[in-house]
Amino acid sequence: MFNRSPSLQPMNHRRDSVIIVSEILLCAVKGVGKSEMMGKVGLSSAQLKKYLQFLLRSELLAVSDHGRRPLFETTAKGKSFLETFDRITKLLA
């Protein structure tokens, strides 16, 4: 359903914030812990904390407490963002 477009990677190999946001949301579609997300998305703890605060405040991501650790899950609004992002990347391909 949601695809990450490798064609949107900048030539200098630095990822744009919108691409990082989409990668976090894509990673969290089925629910994911913070450590797993850090590894999959390739961010430091400090970088991930900054993005998580933004995504939670924007209601693109939700957090739920499952036992000992919180799980982050993409909200309906976040899935809508991913669908729109996917359509835009297809237009640019």
PDB file of N, CA and C in Angstrom:
ATOM      1  N   MET A   1       0.821  -1.187   0.000  1.00  0.00           N
ATOM      2  CA  MET A   1       0.000   0.000   0.000  1.00  0.00           C
ATOM      3  C   MET A   1       0.868   1.254   0.000  1.00  0.00           C
ATOM      4  N   PHE A   2       1.756   1.393   1.006  1.00  0.00           N
ATOM      5  CA  PHE A   2       2.623   2.560   1.061  1.00  0.00           C
ATOM      6  C   PHE A   2       4.016   2.133   0.643  1.00  0.00           C
ATOM      7  N   ASN A   3       4.607   2.882  -0.259  1.00  0.00           N
ATOM      8  CA  ASN A   3       5.946   2.567  -0.731  1.00  0.00           C
ATOM      9  C   ASN A   3       6.878   3.729  -0.481  1.00  0.00           C
ATOM     10  N   ARG A   4       8.112   3.416  -0.184  1.00  0.00           N
ATOM     11  CA  ARG A   4       9.134   4.440  -0.034  1.00  0.00           C
ATOM     12  C   ARG A   4       9.819   4.592  -1.377  1.00  0.00           C
ATOM     13  N   SER A   5       9.840   5.792  -1.877  1.00  0.00           N
ATOM     14  CA  SER A   5      10.421   6.034  -3.186  1.00  0.00           C
ATOM     15  C   SER A   5      11.899   6.369  -3.062  1.00  0.00           C
ATOM     16  N   PRO A   6      12.773   5.476  -3.536  1.00  0.00           N
ATOM     17  CA  PRO A   6      14.202   5.772  -3.470  1.00  0.00           C
ATOM     18  C   PRO A   6      14.595   6.922  -4.380  1.00  0.00           C
ATOM     19  N   SER A   7      13.749   7.271  -5.349  1.00  0.00           N
ATOM     20  CA  SER A   7      14.076   8.350  -6.271  1.00  0.00           C
ATOM     21  C   SER A   7      14.040   9.723  -5.598  1.00  0.00           C
ATOM     22  N   LEU A   8      13.477   9.800  -4.399  1.00  0.00           N
ATOM     23  CA  LEU A   8      13.417  11.088  -3.715  1.00  0.00           C
ATOM     24  C   LEU A   8      14.630  11.345  -2.822  1.00  0.00           C
ATOM     25  N   GLN A   9      15.600  10.451  -2.812  1.00  0.00           N
ATOM     26  CA  GLN A   9      16.792  10.665  -2.002  1.00  0.00           C
ATOM     27  C   GLN A   9      17.639  11.770  -2.633  1.00  0.00           C
ATOM     28  N   PRO A  10      17.983  12.792  -1.852  1.00  0.00           N
ATOM     29  CA  PRO A  10      18.782  13.889  -2.387  1.00  0.00           C
ATOM     30  C   PRO A  10      20.166  13.404  -2.836  1.00  0.00           C
ATOM     31  N   MET A  11      20.779  14.134  -3.733  1.00  0.00           N
ATOM     32  CA  MET A  11      22.086  13.752  -4.272  1.00  0.00           C
ATOM     33  C   MET A  11      23.173  13.777  -3.203  1.00  0.00           C
ATOM     34  N   ASN A  12      23.027  14.593  -2.163  1.00  0.00           N
ATOM     35  CA  ASN A  12      24.051  14.672  -1.123  1.00  0.00           C
ATOM     36  C   ASN A  12      23.832  13.624  -0.032  1.00  0.00           C
ATOM     37  N   HIS A  13      22.883  12.728  -0.217  1.00  0.00           N
ATOM     38  CA  HIS A  13      22.583  11.607   0.681  1.00  0.00           C
ATOM     39  C   HIS A  13      22.030  12.023   2.043  1.00  0.00           C
ATOM     40  N   ARG A  14      21.671  13.271   2.194  1.00  0.00           N
ATOM     41  CA  ARG A  14      20.984  13.713   3.409  1.00  0.00           C
ATOM     42  C   ARG A  14      19.501  13.622   3.145  1.00  0.00           C
ATOM     43  N   ARG A  15      18.769  13.097   4.132  1.00  0.00           N
ATOM     44  CA  ARG A  15      17.328  12.954   3.950  1.00  0.00           C
ATOM     45  C   ARG A  15      16.604  14.223   4.364  1.00  0.00           C
ATOM     46  N   ASP A  16      15.614  14.575   3.593  1.00  0.00           N
ATOM     47  CA  ASP A  16      14.753  15.699   3.895  1.00  0.00           C
ATOM     48  C   ASP A  16      13.840  15.317   5.062  1.00  0.00           C
ATOM     49  N   SER A  17      13.400  16.280   5.836  1.00  0.00           N
ATOM     50  CA  SER A  17      12.521  16.027   6.981  1.00  0.00           C
ATOM     51  C   SER A  17      11.231  15.329   6.581  1.00  0.00           C
ATOM     52  N   VAL A  18      10.676  15.670   5.426  1.00  0.00           N
ATOM     53  CA  VAL A  18       9.433  15.045   4.977  1.00  0.00           C
ATOM     54  C   VAL A  18       9.664  13.556   4.697  1.00  0.00           C
ATOM     55  N   ILE A  19      10.811  13.222   4.145  1.00  0.00           N
ATOM     56  CA  ILE A  19      11.137  11.823   3.889  1.00  0.00           C
ATOM     57  C   ILE A  19      11.303  11.079   5.210  1.00  0.00           C
ATOM     58  N   ILE A  20      11.955  11.686   6.187  1.00  0.00           N
ATOM     59  CA  ILE A  20      12.127  11.062   7.499  1.00  0.00           C
ATOM     60  C   ILE A  20      10.772  10.851   8.160  1.00  0.00           C
ATOM     61  N   VAL A  21       9.899  11.846   8.096  1.00  0.00           N
ATOM     62  CA  VAL A  21       8.551  11.728   8.655  1.00  0.00           C
ATOM     63  C   VAL A  21       7.821  10.556   8.004  1.00  0.00           C
ATOM     64  N   SER A  22       7.906  10.457   6.684  1.00  0.00           N
ATOM     65  CA  SER A  22       7.218   9.362   5.993  1.00  0.00           C
ATOM     66  C   SER A  22       7.801   8.013   6.381  1.00  0.00           C
ATOM     67  N   GLU A  23       9.105   7.929   6.580  1.00  0.00           N
ATOM     68  CA  GLU A  23       9.733   6.672   6.981  1.00  0.00           C
ATOM     69  C   GLU A  23       9.291   6.257   8.389  1.00  0.00           C
ATOM     70  N   ILE A  24       9.174   7.226   9.292  1.00  0.00           N
ATOM     71  CA  ILE A  24       8.712   6.933  10.650  1.00  0.00           C
ATOM     72  C   ILE A  24       7.271   6.445  10.611  1.00  0.00           C
ATOM     73  N   LEU A  25       6.418   7.150   9.888  1.00  0.00           N
ATOM     74  CA  LEU A  25       5.013   6.763   9.800  1.00  0.00           C
ATOM     75  C   LEU A  25       4.848   5.398   9.146  1.00  0.00           C
ATOM     76  N   LEU A  26       5.629   5.128   8.127  1.00  0.00           N
ATOM     77  CA  LEU A  26       5.576   3.838   7.449  1.00  0.00           C
ATOM     78  C   LEU A  26       6.026   2.720   8.382  1.00  0.00           C
ATOM     79  N   CYS A  27       7.044   2.973   9.154  1.00  0.00           N
ATOM     80  CA  CYS A  27       7.560   2.000  10.116  1.00  0.00           C
ATOM     81  C   CYS A  27       6.527   1.688  11.198  1.00  0.00           C
ATOM     82  N   ALA A  28       5.700   2.669  11.552  1.00  0.00           N
ATOM     83  CA  ALA A  28       4.772   2.537  12.668  1.00  0.00           C
ATOM     84  C   ALA A  28       3.359   2.136  12.268  1.00  0.00           C
ATOM     85  N   VAL A  29       3.127   1.774  11.025  1.00  0.00           N
ATOM     86  CA  VAL A  29       1.774   1.437  10.567  1.00  0.00           C
ATOM     87  C   VAL A  29       1.167   0.320  11.419  1.00  0.00           C
ATOM     88  N   LYS A  30       1.951  -0.689  11.759  1.00  0.00           N
ATOM     89  CA  LYS A  30       1.438  -1.816  12.546  1.00  0.00           C
ATOM     90  C   LYS A  30       1.829  -1.726  14.020  1.00  0.00           C
ATOM     91  N   GLY A  31       2.423  -0.635  14.425  1.00  0.00           N
ATOM     92  CA  GLY A  31       2.859  -0.451  15.806  1.00  0.00           C
ATOM     93  C   GLY A  31       4.295  -0.883  15.971  1.00  0.00           C
ATOM     94  N   VAL A  32       5.082  -0.056  16.634  1.00  0.00           N
ATOM     95  CA  VAL A  32       6.510  -0.337  16.789  1.00  0.00           C
ATOM     96  C   VAL A  32       7.036   0.358  18.041  1.00  0.00           C
ATOM     97  N   GLY A  33       8.028  -0.249  18.664  1.00  0.00           N
ATOM     98  CA  GLY A  33       8.692   0.358  19.811  1.00  0.00           C
ATOM     99  C   GLY A  33       9.725   1.377  19.353  1.00  0.00           C
ATOM    100  N   LYS A  34      10.161   2.198  20.285  1.00  0.00           N
ATOM    101  CA  LYS A  34      11.097   3.272  19.969  1.00  0.00           C
ATOM    102  C   LYS A  34      12.450   2.742  19.487  1.00  0.00           C
ATOM    103  N   SER A  35      12.987   1.715  20.143  1.00  0.00           N
ATOM    104  CA  SER A  35      14.298   1.181  19.756  1.00  0.00           C
ATOM    105  C   SER A  35      14.272   0.577  18.361  1.00  0.00           C
ATOM    106  N   GLU A  36      13.223  -0.185  18.077  1.00  0.00           N
ATOM    107  CA  GLU A  36      13.094  -0.787  16.755  1.00  0.00           C
ATOM    108  C   GLU A  36      12.963   0.295  15.690  1.00  0.00           C
ATOM    109  N   MET A  37      12.186   1.329  15.996  1.00  0.00           N
ATOM    110  CA  MET A  37      12.001   2.430  15.062  1.00  0.00           C
ATOM    111  C   MET A  37      13.328   3.143  14.797  1.00  0.00           C
ATOM    112  N   MET A  38      14.106   3.366  15.851  1.00  0.00           N
ATOM    113  CA  MET A  38      15.410   4.019  15.709  1.00  0.00           C
ATOM    114  C   MET A  38      16.288   3.260  14.719  1.00  0.00           C
ATOM    115  N   GLY A  39      16.320   1.935  14.861  1.00  0.00           N
ATOM    116  CA  GLY A  39      17.133   1.111  13.977  1.00  0.00           C
ATOM    117  C   GLY A  39      16.633   1.085  12.546  1.00  0.00           C
ATOM    118  N   LYS A  40      15.324   0.940  12.374  1.00  0.00           N
ATOM    119  CA  LYS A  40      14.758   0.851  11.025  1.00  0.00           C
ATOM    120  C   LYS A  40      14.862   2.160  10.260  1.00  0.00           C
ATOM    121  N   VAL A  41      14.669   3.265  10.961  1.00  0.00           N
ATOM    122  CA  VAL A  41      14.667   4.569  10.297  1.00  0.00           C
ATOM    123  C   VAL A  41      16.071   5.165  10.243  1.00  0.00           C
ATOM    124  N   GLY A  42      16.955   4.705  11.119  1.00  0.00           N
ATOM    125  CA  GLY A  42      18.336   5.180  11.103  1.00  0.00           C
ATOM    126  C   GLY A  42      18.528   6.552  11.702  1.00  0.00           C
ATOM    127  N   LEU A  43      17.922   6.762  12.870  1.00  0.00           N
ATOM    128  CA  LEU A  43      18.062   8.038  13.570  1.00  0.00           C
ATOM    129  C   LEU A  43      18.670   7.808  14.945  1.00  0.00           C
ATOM    130  N   SER A  44      19.319   8.821  15.466  1.00  0.00           N
ATOM    131  CA  SER A  44      19.803   8.768  16.840  1.00  0.00           C
ATOM    132  C   SER A  44      18.607   8.952  17.777  1.00  0.00           C
ATOM    133  N   SER A  45      18.832   8.679  19.035  1.00  0.00           N
ATOM    134  CA  SER A  45      17.771   8.840  20.030  1.00  0.00           C
ATOM    135  C   SER A  45      17.287  10.286  20.088  1.00  0.00           C
ATOM    136  N   ALA A  46      18.212  11.223  20.043  1.00  0.00           N
ATOM    137  CA  ALA A  46      17.854  12.650  20.105  1.00  0.00           C
ATOM    138  C   ALA A  46      17.068  13.075  18.865  1.00  0.00           C
ATOM    139  N   GLN A  47      17.494  12.603  17.699  1.00  0.00           N
ATOM    140  CA  GLN A  47      16.775  12.942  16.463  1.00  0.00           C
ATOM    141  C   GLN A  47      15.367  12.357  16.480  1.00  0.00           C
ATOM    142  N   LEU A  48      15.261  11.087  16.888  1.00  0.00           N
ATOM    143  CA  LEU A  48      13.954  10.442  16.917  1.00  0.00           C
ATOM    144  C   LEU A  48      13.031  11.136  17.907  1.00  0.00           C
ATOM    145  N   LYS A  49      13.568  11.533  19.052  1.00  0.00           N
ATOM    146  CA  LYS A  49      12.754  12.224  20.058  1.00  0.00           C
ATOM    147  C   LYS A  49      12.126  13.487  19.480  1.00  0.00           C
ATOM    148  N   LYS A  50      12.915  14.241  18.713  1.00  0.00           N
ATOM    149  CA  LYS A  50      12.429  15.477  18.088  1.00  0.00           C
ATOM    150  C   LYS A  50      11.279  15.172  17.116  1.00  0.00           C
ATOM    151  N   TYR A  51      11.463  14.165  16.282  1.00  0.00           N
ATOM    152  CA  TYR A  51      10.425  13.809  15.303  1.00  0.00           C
ATOM    153  C   TYR A  51       9.185  13.245  15.994  1.00  0.00           C
ATOM    154  N   LEU A  52       9.374  12.415  17.021  1.00  0.00           N
ATOM    155  CA  LEU A  52       8.223  11.839  17.724  1.00  0.00           C
ATOM    156  C   LEU A  52       7.380  12.926  18.375  1.00  0.00           C
ATOM    157  N   GLN A  53       8.029  13.911  18.984  1.00  0.00           N
ATOM    158  CA  GLN A  53       7.293  15.020  19.597  1.00  0.00           C
ATOM    159  C   GLN A  53       6.448  15.738  18.548  1.00  0.00           C
ATOM    160  N   PHE A  54       7.037  16.004  17.394  1.00  0.00           N
ATOM    161  CA  PHE A  54       6.320  16.681  16.320  1.00  0.00           C
ATOM    162  C   PHE A  54       5.149  15.831  15.816  1.00  0.00           C
ATOM    163  N   LEU A  55       5.392  14.543  15.573  1.00  0.00           N
ATOM    164  CA  LEU A  55       4.357  13.664  15.019  1.00  0.00           C
ATOM    165  C   LEU A  55       3.224  13.423  16.006  1.00  0.00           C
ATOM    166  N   LEU A  56       3.532  13.327  17.278  1.00  0.00           N
ATOM    167  CA  LEU A  56       2.491  13.162  18.296  1.00  0.00           C
ATOM    168  C   LEU A  56       1.661  14.441  18.407  1.00  0.00           C
ATOM    169  N   ARG A  57       2.328  15.587  18.422  1.00  0.00           N
ATOM    170  CA  ARG A  57       1.637  16.875  18.512  1.00  0.00           C
ATOM    171  C   ARG A  57       0.754  17.108  17.288  1.00  0.00           C
ATOM    172  N   SER A  58       1.196  16.639  16.121  1.00  0.00           N
ATOM    173  CA  SER A  58       0.445  16.802  14.871  1.00  0.00           C
ATOM    174  C   SER A  58      -0.629  15.742  14.685  1.00  0.00           C
ATOM    175  N   GLU A  59      -0.695  14.803  15.611  1.00  0.00           N
ATOM    176  CA  GLU A  59      -1.661  13.699  15.585  1.00  0.00           C
ATOM    177  C   GLU A  59      -1.498  12.799  14.358  1.00  0.00           C
ATOM    178  N   LEU A  60      -0.274  12.697  13.854  1.00  0.00           N
ATOM    179  CA  LEU A  60       0.034  11.767  12.775  1.00  0.00           C
ATOM    180  C   LEU A  60       0.464  10.421  13.355  1.00  0.00           C
ATOM    181  N   LEU A  61       0.835  10.436  14.620  1.00  0.00           N
ATOM    182  CA  LEU A  61       1.310   9.258  15.335  1.00  0.00           C
ATOM    183  C   LEU A  61       0.653   9.242  16.707  1.00  0.00           C
ATOM    184  N   ALA A  62       0.339   8.046  17.193  1.00  0.00           N
ATOM    185  CA  ALA A  62      -0.231   7.899  18.533  1.00  0.00           C
ATOM    186  C   ALA A  62       0.653   6.933  19.312  1.00  0.00           C
ATOM    187  N   VAL A  63       0.635   7.068  20.621  1.00  0.00           N
ATOM    188  CA  VAL A  63       1.414   6.171  21.471  1.00  0.00           C
ATOM    189  C   VAL A  63       0.462   5.480  22.434  1.00  0.00           C
ATOM    190  N   SER A  64       0.685   4.189  22.623  1.00  0.00           N
ATOM    191  CA  SER A  64      -0.113   3.433  23.585  1.00  0.00           C
ATOM    192  C   SER A  64       0.833   2.633  24.458  1.00  0.00           C
ATOM    193  N   ASP A  65       0.446   2.438  25.694  1.00  0.00           N
ATOM    194  CA  ASP A  65       1.288   1.733  26.657  1.00  0.00           C
ATOM    195  C   ASP A  65       0.906   0.262  26.667  1.00  0.00           C
ATOM    196  N   HIS A  66       1.774  -0.577  26.117  1.00  0.00           N
ATOM    197  CA  HIS A  66       1.555  -2.019  26.077  1.00  0.00           C
ATOM    198  C   HIS A  66       2.554  -2.687  27.009  1.00  0.00           C
ATOM    199  N   GLY A  67       2.146  -2.898  28.238  1.00  0.00           N
ATOM    200  CA  GLY A  67       3.050  -3.537  29.193  1.00  0.00           C
ATOM    201  C   GLY A  67       4.157  -2.618  29.629  1.00  0.00           C
ATOM    202  N   ARG A  68       5.385  -3.057  29.416  1.00  0.00           N
ATOM    203  CA  ARG A  68       6.541  -2.306  29.904  1.00  0.00           C
ATOM    204  C   ARG A  68       7.006  -1.191  28.974  1.00  0.00           C
ATOM    205  N   ARG A  69       6.600  -1.244  27.717  1.00  0.00           N
ATOM    206  CA  ARG A  69       7.119  -0.238  26.782  1.00  0.00           C
ATOM    207  C   ARG A  69       6.003   0.355  25.927  1.00  0.00           C
ATOM    208  N   PRO A  70       6.143   1.619  25.574  1.00  0.00           N
ATOM    209  CA  PRO A  70       5.133   2.240  24.715  1.00  0.00           C
ATOM    210  C   PRO A  70       5.286   1.777  23.263  1.00  0.00           C
ATOM    211  N   LEU A  71       4.181   1.677  22.568  1.00  0.00           N
ATOM    212  CA  LEU A  71       4.181   1.369  21.141  1.00  0.00           C
ATOM    213  C   LEU A  71       3.664   2.578  20.381  1.00  0.00           C
ATOM    214  N   PHE A  72       4.334   2.897  19.306  1.00  0.00           N
ATOM    215  CA  PHE A  72       3.943   4.018  18.466  1.00  0.00           C
ATOM    216  C   PHE A  72       3.219   3.456  17.247  1.00  0.00           C
ATOM    217  N   GLU A  73       2.083   4.087  16.905  1.00  0.00           N
ATOM    218  CA  GLU A  73       1.291   3.613  15.782  1.00  0.00           C
ATOM    219  C   GLU A  73       0.813   4.791  14.944  1.00  0.00           C
ATOM    220  N   THR A  74       0.870   4.618  13.633  1.00  0.00           N
ATOM    221  CA  THR A  74       0.414   5.639  12.709  1.00  0.00           C
ATOM    222  C   THR A  74      -1.099   5.785  12.814  1.00  0.00           C
ATOM    223  N   THR A  75      -1.564   7.013  12.954  1.00  0.00           N
ATOM    224  CA  THR A  75      -3.002   7.292  13.065  1.00  0.00           C
ATOM    225  C   THR A  75      -3.637   7.321  11.675  1.00  0.00           C
ATOM    226  N   ALA A  76      -4.951   7.467  11.641  1.00  0.00           N
ATOM    227  CA  ALA A  76      -5.665   7.605  10.363  1.00  0.00           C
ATOM    228  C   ALA A  76      -5.160   8.841   9.612  1.00  0.00           C
ATOM    229  N   LYS A  77      -4.912   9.914  10.349  1.00  0.00           N
ATOM    230  CA  LYS A  77      -4.380  11.134   9.745  1.00  0.00           C
ATOM    231  C   LYS A  77      -2.981  10.881   9.170  1.00  0.00           C
ATOM    232  N   GLY A  78      -2.180  10.097   9.887  1.00  0.00           N
ATOM    233  CA  GLY A  78      -0.845   9.747   9.413  1.00  0.00           C
ATOM    234  C   GLY A  78      -0.901   8.879   8.170  1.00  0.00           C
ATOM    235  N   LYS A  79      -1.862   7.942   8.124  1.00  0.00           N
ATOM    236  CA  LYS A  79      -2.025   7.092   6.940  1.00  0.00           C
ATOM    237  C   LYS A  79      -2.471   7.923   5.744  1.00  0.00           C
ATOM    238  N   SER A  80      -3.297   8.915   5.992  1.00  0.00           N
ATOM    239  CA  SER A  80      -3.708   9.828   4.935  1.00  0.00           C
ATOM    240  C   SER A  80      -2.490  10.592   4.399  1.00  0.00           C
ATOM    241  N   PHE A  81      -1.617  11.020   5.311  1.00  0.00           N
ATOM    242  CA  PHE A  81      -0.371  11.684   4.909  1.00  0.00           C
ATOM    243  C   PHE A  81       0.449  10.762   4.010  1.00  0.00           C
ATOM    244  N   LEU A  82       0.583   9.490   4.408  1.00  0.00           N
ATOM    245  CA  LEU A  82       1.365   8.530   3.623  1.00  0.00           C
ATOM    246  C   LEU A  82       0.764   8.311   2.231  1.00  0.00           C
ATOM    247  N   GLU A  83      -0.551   8.229   2.151  1.00  0.00           N
ATOM    248  CA  GLU A  83      -1.209   8.058   0.852  1.00  0.00           C
ATOM    249  C   GLU A  83      -0.946   9.261  -0.050  1.00  0.00           C
ATOM    250  N   THR A  84      -1.053  10.460   0.523  1.00  0.00           N
ATOM    251  CA  THR A  84      -0.798  11.682  -0.247  1.00  0.00           C
ATOM    252  C   THR A  84       0.664  11.755  -0.667  1.00  0.00           C
ATOM    253  N   PHE A  85       1.565  11.431   0.243  1.00  0.00           N
ATOM    254  CA  PHE A  85       2.998  11.430  -0.046  1.00  0.00           C
ATOM    255  C   PHE A  85       3.307  10.431  -1.158  1.00  0.00           C
ATOM    256  N   ASP A  86       2.666   9.265  -1.112  1.00  0.00           N
ATOM    257  CA  ASP A  86       2.862   8.236  -2.129  1.00  0.00           C
ATOM    258  C   ASP A  86       2.402   8.732  -3.504  1.00  0.00           C
ATOM    259  N   ARG A  87       1.253   9.403  -3.547  1.00  0.00           N
ATOM    260  CA  ARG A  87       0.755   9.947  -4.822  1.00  0.00           C
ATOM    261  C   ARG A  87       1.704  11.001  -5.371  1.00  0.00           C
ATOM    262  N   ILE A  88       2.223  11.852  -4.505  1.00  0.00           N
ATOM    263  CA  ILE A  88       3.154  12.901  -4.944  1.00  0.00           C
ATOM    264  C   ILE A  88       4.439  12.295  -5.489  1.00  0.00           C
ATOM    265  N   THR A  89       4.980  11.293  -4.798  1.00  0.00           N
ATOM    266  CA  THR A  89       6.230  10.680  -5.283  1.00  0.00           C
ATOM    267  C   THR A  89       6.016   9.982  -6.622  1.00  0.00           C
ATOM    268  N   LYS A  90       4.839   9.416  -6.834  1.00  0.00           N
ATOM    269  CA  LYS A  90       4.539   8.771  -8.131  1.00  0.00           C
ATOM    270  C   LYS A  90       4.455   9.823  -9.239  1.00  0.00           C
ATOM    271  N   LEU A  91       3.937  10.999  -8.923  1.00  0.00           N
ATOM    272  CA  LEU A  91       3.875  12.068  -9.906  1.00  0.00           C
ATOM    273  C   LEU A  91       5.255  12.573 -10.295  1.00  0.00           C
ATOM    274  N   LEU A  92       6.175  12.529  -9.353  1.00  0.00           N
ATOM    275  CA  LEU A  92       7.529  13.030  -9.603  1.00  0.00           C
ATOM    276  C   LEU A  92       8.435  11.999 -10.251  1.00  0.00           C
ATOM    277  N   ALA A  93       8.008  10.744 -10.269  1.00  0.00           N
ATOM    278  CA  ALA A  93       8.851   9.670 -10.828  1.00  0.00           C
ATOM    279  C   ALA A  93       8.886   9.701 -12.334  1.00  0.00           C
TER     280      ALA A  93
END
